[in-house]
C-alpha atoms as a PDB file:
ATOM      1  CA  UNK A   1     -68.541 -12.611 -41.056  1.00  0.00           C
ATOM      2  CA  UNK A   2     -65.723 -14.267 -42.975  1.00  0.00           C
ATOM      3  CA  UNK A   3     -63.943 -10.916 -43.107  1.00  0.00           C
ATOM      4  CA  UNK A   4     -64.159 -10.539 -39.339  1.00  0.00           C
ATOM      5  CA  UNK A   5     -62.722 -14.041 -38.825  1.00  0.00           C
ATOM      6  CA  UNK A   6     -59.858 -13.323 -41.233  1.00  0.00           C
ATOM      7  CA  UNK A   7     -59.115  -9.958 -39.627  1.00  0.00           C
ATOM      8  CA  UNK A   8     -59.235 -11.449 -36.135  1.00  0.00           C
ATOM      9  CA  UNK A   9     -56.378 -13.794 -37.004  1.00  0.00           C
ATOM     10  CA  UNK A  10     -54.311 -10.970 -38.479  1.00  0.00           C
ATOM     11  CA  UNK A  11     -55.042  -8.700 -35.508  1.00  0.00           C
ATOM     12  CA  UNK A  12     -53.939 -11.433 -33.092  1.00  0.00           C
ATOM     13  CA  UNK A  13     -50.821 -11.970 -35.195  1.00  0.00           C
ATOM     14  CA  UNK A  14     -49.963  -8.254 -35.048  1.00  0.00           C
ATOM     15  CA  UNK A  15     -50.597  -8.147 -31.280  1.00  0.00           C
ATOM     16  CA  UNK A  16     -48.382 -11.192 -30.745  1.00  0.00           C
ATOM     17  CA  UNK A  17     -45.648  -9.644 -32.935  1.00  0.00           C
ATOM     18  CA  UNK A  18     -45.778  -6.416 -30.916  1.00  0.00           C
ATOM     19  CA  UNK A  19     -45.608  -8.359 -27.639  1.00  0.00           C
ATOM     20  CA  UNK A  20     -42.707 -10.448 -28.938  1.00  0.00           C
ATOM     21  CA  UNK A  21     -40.863  -7.262 -29.957  1.00  0.00           C
ATOM     22  CA  UNK A  22     -41.506  -5.737 -26.533  1.00  0.00           C
ATOM     23  CA  UNK A  23     -40.240  -8.803 -24.684  1.00  0.00           C
ATOM     24  CA  UNK A  24     -37.203  -9.041 -26.986  1.00  0.00           C
ATOM     25  CA  UNK A  25     -36.390  -5.392 -26.241  1.00  0.00           C
ATOM     26  CA  UNK A  26     -36.779  -5.975 -22.485  1.00  0.00           C
ATOM     27  CA  UNK A  27     -34.561  -9.042 -22.654  1.00  0.00           C
ATOM     28  CA  UNK A  28     -31.916  -7.131 -24.618  1.00  0.00           C
ATOM     29  CA  UNK A  29     -31.992  -4.246 -22.135  1.00  0.00           C
ATOM     30  CA  UNK A  30     -31.671  -6.606 -19.177  1.00  0.00           C
ATOM     31  CA  UNK A  31     -28.846  -8.457 -20.904  1.00  0.00           C
ATOM     32  CA  UNK A  32     -26.935  -5.194 -21.352  1.00  0.00           C
ATOM     33  CA  UNK A  33     -27.496  -4.265 -17.708  1.00  0.00           C
ATOM     34  CA  UNK A  34     -26.330  -7.684 -16.564  1.00  0.00           C
ATOM     35  CA  UNK A  35     -23.235  -7.356 -18.760  1.00  0.00           C
ATOM     36  CA  UNK A  36     -22.468  -3.917 -17.288  1.00  0.00           C
ATOM     37  CA  UNK A  37     -22.899  -5.264 -13.767  1.00  0.00           C
ATOM     38  CA  UNK A  38     -20.633  -8.203 -14.556  1.00  0.00           C
ATOM     39  CA  UNK A  39     -17.917  -5.812 -15.747  1.00  0.00           C
ATOM     40  CA  UNK A  40     -18.314  -3.686 -12.614  1.00  0.00           C
ATOM     41  CA  UNK A  41     -18.167  -6.749 -10.374  1.00  0.00           C
ATOM     42  CA  UNK A  42     -14.967  -7.939 -12.057  1.00  0.00           C
ATOM     43  CA  UNK A  43     -13.424  -4.461 -11.606  1.00  0.00           C
ATOM     44  CA  UNK A  44     -14.389  -4.470  -7.923  1.00  0.00           C
ATOM     45  CA  UNK A  45     -12.933  -7.963  -7.556  1.00  0.00           C
ATOM     46  CA  UNK A  46      -9.652  -6.775  -9.105  1.00  0.00           C
ATOM     47  CA  UNK A  47      -9.574  -3.806  -6.702  1.00  0.00           C
ATOM     48  CA  UNK A  48     -10.192  -6.108  -3.741  1.00  0.00           C
ATOM     49  CA  UNK A  49      -7.339  -8.354  -4.863  1.00  0.00           C
ATOM     50  CA  UNK A  50      -4.997  -5.344  -5.171  1.00  0.00           C
ATOM     51  CA  UNK A  51      -6.020  -4.070  -1.738  1.00  0.00           C
ATOM     52  CA  UNK A  52      -5.526  -7.503  -0.212  1.00  0.00           C
ATOM     53  CA  UNK A  53      -2.038  -7.683  -1.712  1.00  0.00           C
ATOM     54  CA  UNK A  54      -1.241  -4.196  -0.391  1.00  0.00           C
ATOM     55  CA  UNK A  55      -2.498  -5.083   3.086  1.00  0.00           C
ATOM     56  CA  UNK A  56      -0.379  -8.237   3.161  1.00  0.00           C
ATOM     57  CA  UNK A  57       2.657  -6.218   2.043  1.00  0.00           C
ATOM     58  CA  UNK A  58       2.039  -3.576   4.714  1.00  0.00           C
ATOM     59  CA  UNK A  59       1.671  -6.282   7.369  1.00  0.00           C
ATOM     60  CA  UNK A  60       5.009  -7.781   6.356  1.00  0.00           C
ATOM     61  CA  UNK A  61       6.667  -4.351   6.466  1.00  0.00           C
ATOM     62  CA  UNK A  62       5.149  -3.687   9.896  1.00  0.00           C
ATOM     63  CA  UNK A  63       6.376  -7.035  11.185  1.00  0.00           C
ATOM     64  CA  UNK A  64       9.879  -6.320   9.871  1.00  0.00           C
ATOM     65  CA  UNK A  65       9.853  -2.877  11.503  1.00  0.00           C
ATOM     66  CA  UNK A  66       8.707  -4.331  14.819  1.00  0.00           C
ATOM     67  CA  UNK A  67      11.461  -6.949  14.796  1.00  0.00           C
ATOM     68  CA  UNK A  68      14.060  -4.276  14.017  1.00  0.00           C
ATOM     69  CA  UNK A  69      12.718  -2.122  16.840  1.00  0.00           C
ATOM     70  CA  UNK A  70      12.682  -4.960  19.371  1.00  0.00           C
ATOM     71  CA  UNK A  71      16.108  -6.417  18.541  1.00  0.00           C
ATOM     72  CA  UNK A  72      18.569  -3.752  17.371  1.00  0.00           C
ATOM     73  CA  UNK A  73      21.537  -4.817  15.295  1.00  0.00           C
ATOM     74  CA  UNK A  74      24.075  -3.248  17.680  1.00  0.00           C
ATOM     75  CA  UNK A  75      24.680  -4.234  21.351  1.00  0.00           C
ATOM     76  CA  UNK A  76      23.309  -2.194  24.220  1.00  0.00           C
ATOM     77  CA  UNK A  77      25.752   0.250  25.846  1.00  0.00           C
ATOM     78  CA  UNK A  78      27.535  -1.022  28.980  1.00  0.00           C
ATOM     79  CA  UNK A  79      26.398   0.272  32.377  1.00  0.00           C
ATOM     80  CA  UNK A  80      28.286   3.292  33.762  1.00  0.00           C
ATOM     81  CA  UNK A  81      31.437   2.517  35.724  1.00  0.00           C
ATOM     82  CA  UNK A  82      31.604   3.695  39.345  1.00  0.00           C
ATOM     83  CA  UNK A  83      34.609   3.737  41.642  1.00  0.00           C
ATOM     84  CA  UNK A  84      34.713   0.810  44.077  1.00  0.00           C
ATOM     85  CA  UNK A  85      35.117   2.936  47.260  1.00  0.00           C
ATOM     86  CA  UNK A  86      32.730   5.675  46.396  1.00  0.00           C
ATOM     87  CA  UNK A  87      29.483   6.007  48.261  1.00  0.00           C
ATOM     88  CA  UNK A  88      26.391   7.055  46.475  1.00  0.00           C
ATOM     89  CA  UNK A  89      25.239  10.531  47.262  1.00  0.00           C
ATOM     90  CA  UNK A  90      22.246  10.643  49.564  1.00  0.00           C
ATOM     91  CA  UNK A  91      20.153  13.777  49.697  1.00  0.00           C
ATOM     92  CA  UNK A  92      19.860  15.628  53.000  1.00  0.00           C
ATOM     93  CA  UNK A  93      16.661  15.030  54.946  1.00  0.00           C
ATOM     94  CA  UNK A  94      14.206  17.893  54.946  1.00  0.00           C
ATOM     95  CA  UNK A  95      14.186  20.311  57.935  1.00  0.00           C
ATOM     96  CA  UNK A  96      10.991  20.192  60.007  1.00  0.00           C
END
């Protein structure tokens, strides 16, 4: 009976050691996954920042292009000159 009591303690110790090793392995695996996800998230954040900067730059370029299109740097051409006594040509009415 003393042998069984002594072995029971050792068996429980071995079981607890195996469980501790299993949980340590699980924790290590999860830690690595979390680290990988953190790296991916930081890469995605950097890409978002680059895209935001590009979008702002494109908006500024579009605004500059619109202002150049709306207000040209040279004056508009003058209207055509007509003679003071000339009458505008009127088309003939259609024949019924």
